[in-house]
Protein backbone atom coordinates (compact mmCIF):
# COMPACT_ATOMS: atom_id res chain seq x y z
CA MET A 1 77.85 315.71 204.33
CA LEU A 2 80.87 316.97 203.98
CA ARG A 3 83.19 319.54 206.16
CA LEU A 4 86.14 321.22 206.39
CA ASP A 5 89.02 318.97 208.26
CA PRO A 6 88.74 320.46 211.86
CA PHE A 7 93.20 320.35 211.13
CA LEU A 8 93.05 321.78 208.07
CA LEU A 9 90.98 324.76 210.16
CA GLY A 10 94.01 325.27 212.49
CA LEU A 11 96.79 324.91 209.33
CA ILE A 12 95.26 327.79 208.46
CA CYS A 13 94.75 329.64 210.99
CA THR A 14 97.99 328.89 211.94
CA ILE A 15 99.16 330.23 208.04
CA PHE A 16 97.02 333.24 208.83
CA LEU A 17 99.03 333.91 212.17
CA ALA A 18 102.00 333.42 210.45
CA THR A 19 101.16 336.07 208.13
CA VAL A 20 100.04 339.07 210.40
CA LEU A 21 102.57 338.04 213.02
CA PRO A 22 105.75 335.87 212.07
CA CYS A 23 108.45 335.32 213.98
CA HIS A 24 111.23 337.34 213.62
CA GLY A 25 114.57 338.42 215.03
CA ALA A 26 115.74 336.82 218.33
CA ALA A 27 112.68 334.07 218.18
CA VAL A 28 113.50 332.65 214.57
CA PRO A 29 116.43 330.38 216.20
CA VAL A 30 114.00 329.31 219.43
CA PHE A 31 111.81 328.31 216.79
CA GLN A 32 113.80 326.86 214.61
CA TRP A 33 115.50 324.44 217.20
CA LEU A 34 111.79 323.94 218.73
CA ALA A 35 110.59 322.60 215.46
CA ILE A 36 113.84 320.18 215.07
CA ILE A 37 112.76 319.02 218.60
CA VAL A 38 109.24 318.43 217.73
CA ILE A 39 110.10 316.63 214.47
CA ALA A 40 112.29 314.29 216.55
CA VAL A 41 109.77 313.75 218.90
CA MET A 42 107.25 313.20 216.29
CA PHE A 43 109.02 310.10 214.43
CA PHE A 44 110.09 308.94 218.02
CA LEU A 45 106.83 308.59 219.29
CA GLN A 46 105.55 307.21 215.50
CA GLY A 47 108.76 304.36 216.83
CA ALA A 48 107.18 303.45 220.04
CA ARG A 49 103.32 303.25 218.53
CA LEU A 50 104.45 300.70 215.34
CA SER A 51 104.30 297.16 216.84
CA ARG A 52 106.53 294.41 215.94
CA LYS A 53 103.57 292.80 214.55
CA ALA A 54 102.30 295.65 212.24
CA VAL A 55 106.18 295.23 211.03
CA VAL A 56 106.42 292.06 210.50
CA ASP A 57 102.43 291.70 208.90
CA GLY A 58 103.71 294.80 206.28
CA VAL A 59 105.98 292.41 204.96
CA MET A 60 104.34 289.31 204.85
CA ALA A 61 101.47 290.20 202.50
CA TRP A 62 104.05 291.40 199.71
CA ARG A 63 102.25 291.26 196.78
CA LEU A 64 99.41 293.30 197.54
CA HIS A 65 101.51 295.91 199.16
CA LEU A 66 104.26 296.27 196.38
CA ILE A 67 101.28 297.40 194.23
CA ILE A 68 100.76 300.09 196.70
CA LEU A 69 104.58 301.13 197.18
CA ALA A 70 104.89 300.91 193.45
CA CYS A 71 101.59 303.13 192.97
CA THR A 72 103.25 305.35 196.08
CA PHE A 73 106.82 306.08 195.18
CA VAL A 74 106.44 304.94 191.30
CA LEU A 75 103.27 306.29 189.81
CA PHE A 76 103.24 309.51 191.63
CA PRO A 77 106.54 310.87 190.78
CA LEU A 78 106.26 309.81 187.40
CA LEU A 79 102.79 311.96 186.93
CA GLY A 80 104.43 314.54 189.12
CA LEU A 81 107.58 314.88 186.41
CA ALA A 82 105.31 314.51 183.68
CA ALA A 83 102.38 316.96 184.61
CA HIS A 84 105.89 318.75 185.13
CA ALA A 85 107.59 317.99 181.60
CA LEU A 86 104.20 319.32 180.01
CA ALA A 87 103.58 322.78 181.68
CA PRO A 88 107.11 323.74 183.25
CA GLY A 89 105.82 327.32 183.44
CA LEU A 90 101.93 327.03 185.14
CA LEU A 91 103.21 327.15 188.53
CA GLN A 92 106.33 328.54 190.26
CA ASN A 93 109.70 326.74 190.28
CA ASP A 94 109.22 326.41 194.26
CA VAL A 95 105.62 325.33 193.85
CA TRP A 96 106.55 322.66 191.38
CA MET A 97 109.17 321.57 194.41
CA GLY A 98 106.19 321.49 196.55
CA VAL A 99 104.19 319.11 193.67
CA LEU A 100 107.27 316.97 193.54
CA PHE A 101 107.98 316.86 196.96
CA LEU A 102 104.25 315.58 197.12
CA CYS A 103 104.44 313.35 194.73
CA CYS A 104 107.45 311.32 196.73
CA LEU A 105 105.75 311.23 200.20
CA PRO A 106 104.34 308.14 201.38
CA SER A 107 100.87 307.28 202.22
CA THR A 108 98.60 308.27 205.30
CA VAL A 109 97.49 305.69 207.45
CA GLN A 110 94.33 306.91 209.81
CA SER A 111 92.03 308.08 206.41
CA SER A 112 93.81 305.44 204.03
CA ILE A 113 92.17 302.77 206.76
CA ALA A 114 89.43 304.43 208.02
CA PHE A 115 87.87 304.71 203.78
CA THR A 116 88.83 301.65 203.15
CA SER A 117 86.97 300.30 205.97
CA ILE A 118 83.72 303.09 204.83
CA GLY A 119 84.16 301.57 201.50
CA GLY A 120 83.89 297.54 203.02
CA GLY A 121 87.66 296.64 201.57
CA ASN A 122 90.47 294.57 202.82
CA VAL A 123 90.98 296.87 206.05
CA PRO A 124 93.31 294.10 207.99
CA ALA A 125 95.75 294.80 204.04
CA ALA A 126 95.19 298.63 204.09
CA VAL A 127 96.50 298.78 207.79
CA CYS A 128 99.45 296.61 207.18
CA ALA A 129 99.93 298.47 203.36
CA ALA A 130 99.78 301.63 205.02
CA THR A 131 102.11 300.46 207.94
CA ALA A 132 104.44 299.92 205.35
CA SER A 133 104.17 302.63 203.14
CA ASN A 134 105.27 305.07 206.23
CA ILE A 135 108.32 302.52 207.47
CA ALA A 136 109.77 302.39 204.03
CA GLY A 137 108.78 306.54 202.79
CA ILE A 138 111.13 306.93 206.19
CA PHE A 139 114.02 305.51 204.13
CA ILE A 140 113.17 306.17 200.69
CA THR A 141 111.46 309.57 200.28
CA PRO A 142 114.46 311.46 201.24
CA PHE A 143 116.46 310.05 198.77
CA LEU A 144 113.70 310.13 196.01
CA VAL A 145 113.63 314.15 196.88
CA GLY A 146 116.88 314.29 195.75
CA LEU A 147 116.62 312.11 193.04
CA VAL A 148 113.69 314.04 191.19
CA LEU A 149 114.75 317.38 192.44
CA SER A 150 117.87 316.82 191.02
CA LYS A 151 117.00 316.88 187.71
CA HIS A 152 114.76 319.88 188.09
CA GLY A 153 116.96 322.60 189.74
CA GLY A 154 115.80 321.86 193.27
CA SER A 155 118.25 320.81 196.06
CA SER A 156 117.34 319.07 199.60
CA GLY A 157 118.95 318.59 202.65
CA ASN A 158 121.66 316.52 203.33
CA VAL A 159 121.97 312.82 204.89
CA LEU A 160 123.09 313.63 208.05
CA ASN A 161 119.94 315.75 208.51
CA ILE A 162 117.77 312.97 207.55
CA VAL A 163 119.31 310.20 209.65
CA PHE A 164 119.67 312.59 212.86
CA GLN A 165 116.37 314.48 212.65
CA LEU A 166 114.08 311.03 210.92
CA LEU A 167 115.81 308.12 211.25
CA LEU A 168 117.11 307.88 214.74
CA PRO A 169 114.26 309.13 216.52
CA PHE A 170 112.12 306.46 214.94
CA LEU A 171 114.74 304.26 215.69
CA LEU A 172 115.22 304.97 218.76
CA GLY A 173 111.43 304.67 219.44
CA GLN A 174 111.18 301.50 218.00
CA LEU A 175 113.91 300.05 220.27
CA LEU A 176 111.81 301.18 223.24
CA GLN A 177 108.77 300.20 221.83
CA PRO A 178 108.57 296.74 224.10
CA TRP A 179 108.59 299.22 227.17
CA ILE A 180 106.40 302.25 226.10
CA GLY A 181 104.49 300.65 223.58
CA GLY A 182 101.57 300.14 225.52
CA TRP A 183 101.83 303.93 227.19
CA ALA A 184 102.21 304.85 223.30
CA HIS A 185 98.78 303.42 222.61
CA ARG A 186 96.97 303.55 225.71
CA ASN A 187 97.01 307.93 224.88
CA LYS A 188 96.77 307.67 221.58
CA LYS A 189 94.12 310.66 221.61
CA LEU A 190 96.64 312.60 223.72
CA LEU A 191 99.77 311.68 221.70
CA SER A 192 97.39 312.53 218.32
CA LEU A 193 96.68 316.17 219.52
CA THR A 194 101.10 316.33 220.37
CA ASP A 195 101.81 315.24 217.11
CA ARG A 196 99.62 317.28 215.48
CA GLY A 197 100.12 320.67 217.54
CA SER A 198 104.12 319.52 216.24
CA ILE A 199 102.93 320.34 212.80
CA LEU A 200 101.36 323.46 213.68
CA ILE A 201 104.48 324.90 215.19
CA VAL A 202 106.77 323.71 211.85
CA VAL A 203 104.11 325.39 209.88
CA TYR A 204 104.12 328.45 211.89
CA THR A 205 108.02 328.12 211.60
CA ALA A 206 108.36 327.75 208.20
CA PHE A 207 105.63 330.16 207.24
CA SER A 208 107.46 333.04 209.21
CA GLU A 209 110.23 332.84 207.45
CA ALA A 210 108.18 332.77 203.80
CA VAL A 211 106.42 335.86 205.49
CA MET A 212 109.21 337.50 205.93
CA GLN A 213 110.86 336.48 202.18
CA GLY A 214 107.90 338.09 200.52
CA LEU A 215 105.90 335.12 200.01
CA TRP A 216 102.28 336.67 199.23
CA HIS A 217 104.01 339.11 196.80
CA ARG A 218 105.54 336.41 195.23
CA LEU A 219 102.48 333.97 194.93
CA PRO A 220 99.87 335.67 193.28
CA LEU A 221 95.80 334.50 193.93
CA SER A 222 95.66 332.79 190.74
CA GLN A 223 98.64 329.98 191.88
CA LEU A 224 96.21 328.85 194.48
CA GLY A 225 93.75 328.00 192.02
CA LEU A 226 96.25 326.21 189.98
CA ILE A 227 98.09 324.67 192.89
CA ALA A 228 94.41 323.03 193.24
CA LEU A 229 93.30 322.27 189.91
CA VAL A 230 97.31 320.13 189.59
CA ASP A 231 96.61 318.29 192.89
CA PHE A 232 93.39 317.42 191.25
CA LEU A 233 94.24 316.11 188.30
CA LEU A 234 96.80 313.85 189.91
CA LEU A 235 94.45 312.63 192.21
CA VAL A 236 92.02 311.65 189.49
CA CYS A 237 94.78 309.90 187.16
CA VAL A 238 96.06 307.89 189.97
CA LEU A 239 92.58 307.26 191.67
CA LEU A 240 92.08 305.96 187.91
CA ILE A 241 94.57 304.03 187.31
CA THR A 242 94.86 301.98 190.54
CA ALA A 243 90.61 301.36 190.01
CA TYR A 244 90.99 300.51 186.79
CA GLY A 245 94.33 298.72 186.54
CA SER A 246 93.21 296.39 189.60
CA ARG A 247 90.15 295.17 187.49
CA MET A 248 92.22 294.52 184.54
CA ALA A 249 94.64 292.78 186.96
CA GLY A 250 91.10 290.98 188.18
CA VAL A 251 92.28 292.00 191.46
CA PRO A 252 89.58 291.05 194.03
CA LEU A 253 87.12 293.75 195.03
CA ARG A 254 87.92 294.37 198.25
CA ASP A 255 91.55 294.49 197.57
CA GLU A 256 91.30 296.95 195.33
CA ILE A 257 89.54 299.26 197.15
CA ALA A 258 92.58 299.15 199.74
CA ILE A 259 94.83 299.78 196.90
CA VAL A 260 92.60 302.81 195.41
CA PHE A 261 92.65 304.44 199.21
CA CYS A 262 96.38 303.31 200.26
CA GLY A 263 97.53 304.06 196.55
CA SER A 264 96.30 307.50 196.08
CA LYS A 265 96.94 309.15 199.29
CA LYS A 266 99.70 311.42 200.35
CA THR A 267 101.08 311.91 204.32
CA LEU A 268 100.48 315.62 205.56
CA ALA A 269 101.50 314.56 209.04
CA SER A 270 105.00 313.13 208.22
CA GLY A 271 105.07 315.42 204.80
CA VAL A 272 105.69 318.68 207.00
CA PRO A 273 107.96 317.48 209.20
CA MET A 274 110.04 316.31 206.22
CA ALA A 275 110.03 319.18 204.30
CA ASN A 276 110.97 321.19 206.87
CA VAL A 277 114.39 318.88 207.29
CA LEU A 278 114.99 318.56 203.19
CA PHE A 279 114.73 322.04 202.13
CA PRO A 280 116.04 325.21 202.63
CA ALA A 281 113.73 327.33 205.83
CA SER A 282 113.56 329.95 202.90
CA SER A 283 111.07 327.38 200.20
CA VAL A 284 109.47 325.88 202.98
CA GLY A 285 106.69 327.57 203.08
CA LEU A 286 105.98 327.63 199.37
CA ILE A 287 107.07 324.02 199.15
CA VAL A 288 104.72 322.30 201.36
CA LEU A 289 101.52 324.31 199.99
CA PRO A 290 100.70 322.08 197.36
CA LEU A 291 100.30 318.82 199.69
CA MET A 292 98.35 320.84 202.19
CA ILE A 293 95.72 321.50 199.55
CA TYR A 294 96.23 318.05 198.40
CA HIS A 295 95.04 316.97 201.68
CA GLN A 296 91.66 318.19 201.79
CA ILE A 297 91.14 317.79 198.12
CA GLN A 298 91.92 313.94 199.17
CA LEU A 299 89.46 313.75 201.95
CA PHE A 300 86.43 315.13 199.86
CA VAL A 301 87.14 313.36 196.92
CA CYS A 302 88.21 309.91 198.94
CA ALA A 303 84.50 310.84 200.93
CA VAL A 304 82.68 310.46 198.61
CA LEU A 305 84.26 307.77 196.13
CA ALA A 306 84.15 305.23 199.27
CA ARG A 307 79.99 305.87 200.34
CA LYS A 308 80.16 304.58 196.33
CA PHE A 309 82.55 301.67 197.15
CA ALA A 310 80.06 300.52 200.00
CA ARG A 311 77.27 300.42 197.84
CA MET A 312 79.08 298.14 195.03
CA THR A 313 80.24 295.88 198.31
CA GLN A 314 76.79 295.53 199.34
CA GLU A 315 75.55 294.90 195.56
CA SER A 316 77.90 292.57 195.11
CA ALA A 317 77.16 290.57 198.69
CA GLU A 318 73.62 290.71 198.03
CA ARG A 319 74.54 288.82 194.64
CA LEU A 320 76.93 285.83 196.35
CA PRO A 321 73.75 284.01 198.39
CA ALA A 322 71.90 283.91 194.36
CA ALA A 323 74.77 282.81 192.75
CA GLY A 324 75.29 279.98 195.20
CA GLU A 325 71.42 278.57 194.89
CA PRO A 326 70.51 275.76 192.82
CA GLN A 327 69.17 276.62 189.56
CA LYS A 328 65.76 275.91 189.09
CA GLU A 329 65.00 273.39 185.35
């Protein structure tokens, strides 16, 4: 049975709180600096948790990872640009920027691995591919966002903000990983809670600014439905292309499952902090809306798809012994 993601429920409550009780006045710079600090801490801990072996493995299995990286950082942006070109007036400009930003983000880690496992896919490949996508995203996403949005009237933060708030904390965490990596893995659940708490702080700060700028007067309810429609169609297109493209290329079923799930996911955990760094405070609230909606849609759709893949892998496994038996004359 599908259920609402508890983290998404927390996000909805945070948006509601920012709507009825936005931070303003002297509290604004306090929350802005708090958001900067928690983003830096989050990326530091990501670096600390990521083992050197995961980095090496992510590089070695390059063929499968190259396909997934191409889906994440080439296919998605092209589909986003095509959708914008076909219907530029369908969504507001800031919302379209949010869709294009979503298309530039790396894959998720936890849910990509979980759905690959449920579907009976190549879990080690999914672990390495999702990790490689997140590592690459720290470098690729900011520049890809700048490239894509510069063509469509958008703007993104300067490189120094990206380096100081995202890249340096991550590299520092990697540098200290031999000493604090064990502690980070032993306290994985606690750090997961702090990661999610950090995102909620960033979302509250962003939506408070957006509410003070008149967000809900600028965004009619119909736009939320259109955002969900665009997100859903985007996900369906990627799922179809990755699934049928893998079969046409003769990719084994277990690898196809890893490609489908790792290639179609977009990270909310890194996406919201990145948006806070890359975009003006007045725009962040609208820009992260497509990402938050896409996050829940991908969980629902991929949960159904994982069960379908599980049946396919089970049927494939049951046919293997029969295929190996000697034929009767």
